[in-house]
Protein backbone atom coordinates (compact mmCIF):
# COMPACT_ATOMS: atom_id res chain seq x y z
CA MET A 1 -50.36 -5.55 8.08
CA THR A 2 -51.08 -5.50 4.36
CA MET A 3 -48.41 -5.36 1.68
CA LYS A 4 -49.35 -1.74 0.96
CA ASN A 5 -48.98 -0.78 4.62
CA GLN A 6 -45.58 -2.54 4.82
CA SER A 7 -44.43 -0.68 1.71
CA ASN A 8 -45.60 2.64 3.14
CA SER A 9 -43.85 1.87 6.45
CA ARG A 10 -40.54 1.11 4.71
CA ARG A 11 -40.89 4.25 2.62
CA TYR A 12 -41.57 6.29 5.75
CA ASN A 13 -38.47 4.85 7.45
CA HIS A 14 -36.31 5.59 4.40
CA LEU A 15 -37.55 9.17 4.21
CA PHE A 16 -37.18 9.71 7.96
CA LEU A 17 -33.63 8.37 7.93
CA LEU A 18 -32.68 10.42 4.86
CA GLY A 19 -34.08 13.54 6.46
CA LEU A 20 -32.25 12.87 9.73
CA ILE A 21 -28.95 12.31 7.91
CA SER A 22 -29.43 15.55 5.95
CA ILE A 23 -30.10 17.51 9.14
CA LEU A 24 -27.08 16.06 10.95
CA THR A 25 -24.77 16.64 7.99
CA GLY A 26 -25.96 20.19 7.34
CA PHE A 27 -25.84 21.20 11.01
CA THR A 28 -22.34 19.76 11.49
CA ILE A 29 -21.00 21.53 8.38
CA PHE A 30 -22.63 24.81 9.48
CA LEU A 31 -21.20 24.49 12.98
CA ASP A 32 -17.71 23.72 11.64
CA ASN A 33 -17.79 26.75 9.33
CA LEU A 34 -18.94 28.89 12.25
CA LEU A 35 -16.46 27.65 14.86
CA LYS A 36 -13.54 26.76 12.53
CA THR A 37 -12.67 23.72 14.64
CA GLY A 38 -11.04 21.65 11.90
CA TRP A 39 -12.41 18.41 13.35
CA LEU A 40 -16.20 18.65 13.45
CA LEU A 41 -16.48 17.42 9.86
CA TYR A 42 -14.93 14.12 10.89
CA ILE A 43 -17.75 13.32 13.30
CA ILE A 44 -20.37 13.36 10.52
CA LEU A 45 -19.98 9.66 9.69
CA PRO A 46 -20.03 8.51 13.34
CA LEU A 47 -23.17 10.59 13.91
CA ILE A 48 -24.81 9.12 10.80
CA GLY A 49 -23.86 5.63 11.95
CA ILE A 50 -25.41 6.17 15.38
CA ALA A 51 -28.55 7.65 13.80
CA VAL A 52 -28.96 4.67 11.46
CA ILE A 53 -28.51 2.23 14.38
CA VAL A 54 -31.12 4.08 16.47
CA VAL A 55 -33.58 3.98 13.57
CA SER A 56 -32.91 0.26 12.99
CA LEU A 57 -33.73 -0.81 16.56
CA PRO A 58 -37.52 -0.19 16.64
CA SER A 59 -38.02 -1.60 13.13
CA SER A 60 -35.55 -4.51 13.58
CA ASN A 61 -34.19 -3.68 10.14
CA ILE A 62 -31.10 -5.85 9.54
CA GLY A 63 -29.88 -3.70 6.65
CA TYR A 64 -29.98 -0.54 8.74
CA LEU A 65 -28.22 -2.29 11.61
CA LEU A 66 -25.35 -3.48 9.40
CA ALA A 67 -25.05 -0.17 7.54
CA GLY A 68 -25.15 1.90 10.74
CA SER A 69 -22.53 -0.17 12.58
CA ILE A 70 -20.14 -0.27 9.61
CA THR A 71 -20.57 3.48 9.02
CA LEU A 72 -19.82 4.14 12.69
CA GLY A 73 -16.63 2.08 12.46
CA ILE A 74 -15.45 3.81 9.28
CA GLY A 75 -16.21 7.19 10.82
CA TRP A 76 -14.17 6.32 13.90
CA LEU A 77 -11.25 5.28 11.69
CA LEU A 78 -11.34 8.48 9.59
CA PHE A 79 -11.60 10.62 12.73
CA PHE A 80 -8.40 9.16 14.20
CA LEU A 81 -6.58 9.31 10.86
CA PHE A 82 -7.31 12.89 9.85
CA SER A 83 -8.68 14.89 12.79
CA ASP A 84 -6.48 17.61 14.26
CA LEU A 85 -8.02 16.86 17.63
CA VAL A 86 -6.02 13.61 17.83
CA GLU A 87 -2.43 14.45 18.76
CA LEU A 88 -0.74 11.14 18.00
CA GLY A 89 1.81 9.83 15.54
CA ILE A 90 0.61 8.14 12.37
CA LYS A 91 1.36 4.68 13.80
CA LEU A 92 -0.90 5.17 16.83
CA ARG A 93 -3.50 7.00 14.73
CA ILE A 94 -3.87 3.91 12.56
CA GLY A 95 -3.84 1.61 15.58
CA TYR A 96 -6.54 3.39 17.55
CA GLY A 97 -8.47 4.08 14.36
CA LEU A 98 -8.68 0.38 13.50
CA LEU A 99 -10.29 -0.24 16.88
CA GLY A 100 -13.42 1.41 15.45
CA PRO A 101 -14.20 -1.15 12.71
CA GLY A 102 -13.28 -3.98 15.09
CA ILE A 103 -15.69 -2.76 17.77
CA SER A 104 -18.41 -1.95 15.20
CA TRP A 105 -18.48 -5.60 14.04
CA LEU A 106 -18.83 -6.71 17.67
CA LEU A 107 -21.65 -4.18 18.00
CA ILE A 108 -23.44 -5.91 15.13
CA PHE A 109 -23.25 -9.20 17.02
CA ILE A 110 -24.44 -7.68 20.31
CA LEU A 111 -27.37 -5.75 18.80
CA GLY A 112 -28.36 -8.70 16.61
CA MET A 113 -28.42 -11.01 19.63
CA ILE A 114 -30.32 -8.59 21.89
CA LYS A 115 -32.76 -7.06 19.43
CA LEU A 116 -33.19 -9.66 16.69
CA LYS A 117 -32.47 -12.77 18.79
CA ARG A 118 -29.96 -13.89 16.17
CA GLN A 119 -26.34 -14.90 16.77
CA TRP A 120 -24.08 -13.90 13.89
CA PHE A 121 -20.85 -15.54 15.04
CA TRP A 122 -19.27 -14.91 11.63
CA VAL A 123 -18.80 -11.24 12.60
CA PHE A 124 -16.00 -12.34 14.95
CA ILE A 125 -13.80 -12.97 11.88
CA PRO A 126 -13.67 -9.34 10.57
CA SER A 127 -13.76 -8.06 14.15
CA GLY A 128 -10.81 -10.24 15.16
CA LEU A 129 -8.88 -9.18 12.06
CA PHE A 130 -9.34 -5.46 12.73
CA LEU A 131 -8.70 -5.70 16.47
CA ALA A 132 -5.57 -7.83 16.02
CA THR A 133 -4.18 -5.43 13.40
CA SER A 134 -5.01 -2.51 15.68
CA LEU A 135 -3.12 -4.04 18.61
CA CYS A 136 -0.19 -4.74 16.31
CA PHE A 137 0.06 -1.03 15.43
CA ILE A 138 -0.37 0.04 19.06
CA LEU A 139 1.87 -2.47 20.85
CA SER A 140 4.56 -3.59 18.40
CA PRO A 141 7.40 -1.99 16.42
CA LEU A 142 5.66 -3.13 13.20
CA ARG A 143 8.12 -5.75 12.02
CA PHE A 144 6.87 -8.39 9.62
CA VAL A 145 6.96 -11.03 12.37
CA ASP A 146 4.76 -8.79 14.53
CA PHE A 147 1.98 -8.92 11.94
CA VAL A 148 2.53 -12.67 11.65
CA LEU A 149 1.97 -12.96 15.42
CA TYR A 150 -1.05 -10.70 15.91
CA ILE A 151 -3.18 -11.35 12.82
CA PRO A 152 -3.23 -15.20 12.90
CA LEU A 153 -3.73 -15.03 16.68
CA GLY A 154 -6.74 -12.74 16.30
CA LEU A 155 -8.27 -14.86 13.55
CA GLY A 156 -7.55 -18.07 15.43
CA LEU A 157 -9.30 -16.86 18.58
CA SER A 158 -12.26 -15.77 16.45
CA PHE A 159 -12.54 -19.24 14.92
CA LEU A 160 -12.25 -20.86 18.35
CA VAL A 161 -15.04 -18.72 19.82
CA TRP A 162 -17.26 -19.34 16.80
CA GLY A 163 -16.53 -23.07 16.74
CA TYR A 164 -17.00 -23.55 20.48
CA CYS A 165 -20.28 -21.61 20.65
CA GLN A 166 -21.77 -23.49 17.69
CA ARG A 167 -20.00 -26.78 18.55
CA LEU A 168 -18.32 -27.14 15.17
CA LEU A 169 -15.03 -29.03 15.09
CA GLY A 170 -14.53 -27.79 11.52
CA LEU A 171 -13.96 -24.30 12.94
CA ILE A 172 -11.99 -25.48 15.97
CA ILE A 173 -9.33 -27.06 13.72
CA PRO A 174 -8.27 -23.89 11.84
CA GLY A 175 -8.66 -21.87 15.05
CA SER A 176 -6.32 -24.14 17.03
CA LEU A 177 -3.73 -24.15 14.25
CA LEU A 178 -3.87 -20.38 13.71
CA VAL A 179 -3.32 -19.51 17.39
CA THR A 180 -0.06 -21.48 17.32
CA ILE A 181 1.12 -20.50 13.83
CA GLY A 182 1.67 -16.89 14.92
CA PRO A 183 3.71 -17.68 18.06
CA GLY A 184 5.43 -20.54 16.20
CA ILE A 185 6.90 -18.08 13.72
CA TYR A 186 7.30 -15.10 16.05
CA PHE A 187 9.26 -16.60 18.95
CA PRO A 188 11.94 -18.46 16.93
CA TRP A 189 12.34 -15.97 14.08
CA GLY A 190 11.55 -12.72 15.91
CA LYS A 191 14.80 -12.90 17.90
CA ILE A 192 18.09 -12.14 16.22
CA ASP A 193 20.20 -13.84 18.91
CA GLU A 194 19.13 -17.42 18.09
CA PRO A 195 22.17 -19.62 17.39
CA SER A 196 21.07 -21.27 14.14
CA GLY A 197 18.26 -21.68 11.66
CA LEU A 198 18.13 -25.37 12.55
CA SER A 199 17.17 -24.73 16.16
CA GLN A 200 14.74 -21.99 15.12
CA THR A 201 12.98 -24.40 12.77
CA GLY A 202 12.83 -26.98 15.55
CA MET A 203 11.23 -24.53 17.95
CA MET A 204 8.72 -23.52 15.29
CA LEU A 205 7.65 -27.13 14.66
CA VAL A 206 7.25 -27.87 18.38
CA ILE A 207 4.97 -24.84 18.82
CA PHE A 208 2.99 -25.90 15.75
CA ALA A 209 2.55 -29.30 17.40
CA LEU A 210 0.78 -27.66 20.35
CA GLY A 211 -1.97 -26.50 17.98
CA TRP A 212 -2.81 -30.10 17.12
CA GLY A 213 -2.96 -30.85 20.85
CA LEU A 214 -5.50 -28.03 21.29
CA ILE A 215 -7.77 -29.73 18.75
CA VAL A 216 -7.85 -32.83 20.97
CA LEU A 217 -8.74 -30.79 24.05
CA PHE A 218 -11.47 -28.77 22.33
CA SER A 219 -12.95 -31.93 20.83
CA ARG A 220 -13.63 -33.14 24.37
CA LEU A 221 -15.41 -29.87 25.16
CA LEU A 222 -17.66 -30.34 22.15
CA TYR A 223 -18.36 -34.06 22.24
CA ASP A 224 -18.54 -36.95 24.69
CA GLY A 225 -15.18 -38.38 23.64
CA PHE A 226 -11.78 -37.21 22.41
CA THR A 227 -10.78 -36.90 18.78
CA TRP A 228 -7.35 -38.55 18.79
CA TRP A 229 -6.19 -38.33 15.17
CA PRO A 230 -4.63 -34.81 15.60
CA LEU A 231 -2.01 -36.41 17.87
CA ILE A 232 -0.50 -38.13 14.82
CA PRO A 233 0.62 -34.96 12.96
CA GLY A 234 1.18 -33.22 16.30
CA GLY A 235 3.43 -35.99 17.59
CA ILE A 236 5.43 -36.10 14.35
CA LEU A 237 5.97 -32.33 14.42
CA ALA A 238 7.02 -32.43 18.08
CA VAL A 239 9.55 -35.25 17.63
CA VAL A 240 11.04 -33.71 14.47
CA GLY A 241 11.12 -30.28 16.12
CA TRP A 242 12.94 -31.58 19.21
CA GLY A 243 15.44 -33.38 17.00
CA LEU A 244 16.17 -30.26 14.95
CA TYR A 245 16.51 -28.08 18.02
CA ILE A 246 18.89 -30.50 19.73
CA GLY A 247 20.98 -30.73 16.57
CA GLY A 248 21.18 -26.95 16.15
CA ASN A 249 21.55 -25.90 19.77
CA PRO A 250 22.65 -28.84 21.97
CA GLN A 251 23.79 -26.68 24.89
CA ASN A 252 20.23 -25.39 25.48
CA ALA A 253 18.45 -28.62 24.55
CA VAL A 254 17.70 -29.64 28.15
CA SER A 255 16.13 -26.28 28.97
CA PHE A 256 14.08 -26.28 25.76
CA ILE A 257 12.78 -29.81 26.27
CA GLY A 258 11.97 -28.97 29.89
CA ASN A 259 9.98 -25.87 28.90
CA THR A 260 8.03 -27.61 26.16
CA GLY A 261 7.59 -30.65 28.38
CA SER A 262 5.98 -28.44 31.01
CA LEU A 263 3.45 -27.32 28.39
CA GLY A 264 2.81 -30.97 27.63
CA LEU A 265 2.16 -31.61 31.33
CA MET A 266 -0.32 -28.74 31.38
CA ILE A 267 -2.15 -30.20 28.38
CA PHE A 268 -2.15 -33.61 30.09
CA GLY A 269 -3.58 -31.98 33.21
CA PHE A 270 -6.41 -30.45 31.20
CA TYR A 271 -6.96 -33.90 29.71
CA LEU A 272 -7.37 -35.41 33.19
CA LEU A 273 -9.76 -32.63 34.22
CA LEU A 274 -11.87 -33.24 31.13
CA MET A 275 -11.89 -36.97 31.82
CA ARG A 276 -13.12 -36.26 35.36
CA ARG A 277 -15.83 -34.04 33.90
CA GLY A 278 -16.86 -36.88 31.61
CA PHE A 279 -17.09 -39.33 34.51
CA ARG A 280 -19.34 -36.96 36.46
CA GLN A 281 -21.67 -36.60 33.49
């Protein structure tokens, strides 16, 4: 195909898409004025997003694919926020609305992998952020510690998936730390019946220590051997955390050490399983 033919093809696609968008917009506005629904106008953006995605598939146009998916997500969000058809409180409107952008970013990954044979793992970051925030609005009472739990957890899982699929320890490290930062702050500080700030700080440090242990486990999934250096900061945090918890809440120290010790046994069990896997290979 010559340069002139490629230019004419792109121009044809642009004009076709512009015409399709104009028809969809005009027809939806006409239908809303005729039926007086009060909600048809809010499906214009989702329809445009779907149209742009459909046009992008035969031509494998990356720009159209990104624009269509993002437009679909924004349209979903606006529909849940402002449409009279959605009979929910503002909290749930925002929560279910944010599902749209989160799913639209995943759609970019799926379509890119199927149609373009490209894996854009970076889209998991905005997708995880939107989905985690959405779940926070839907499932929690919206305290500050709830956002601290959901958002780092969503981002951490996104980094872990990205790092594991592309075998990058540089992404596994922030992912492992993020998935424990949220619970490490939420569980000690999200309860008002804890006996003292000293014990709460101790619990927080012990949970943070588990994140460093996850780095060791994931390193074995990525490489032939373990990466042991994370056990140094992890071990320090665990010992200091146990000491602070015992000092602040001695009556529950045995139970706390038993619970965290059980998690340590689970990690050790995964370690043995990974060693067995290494021997078989």
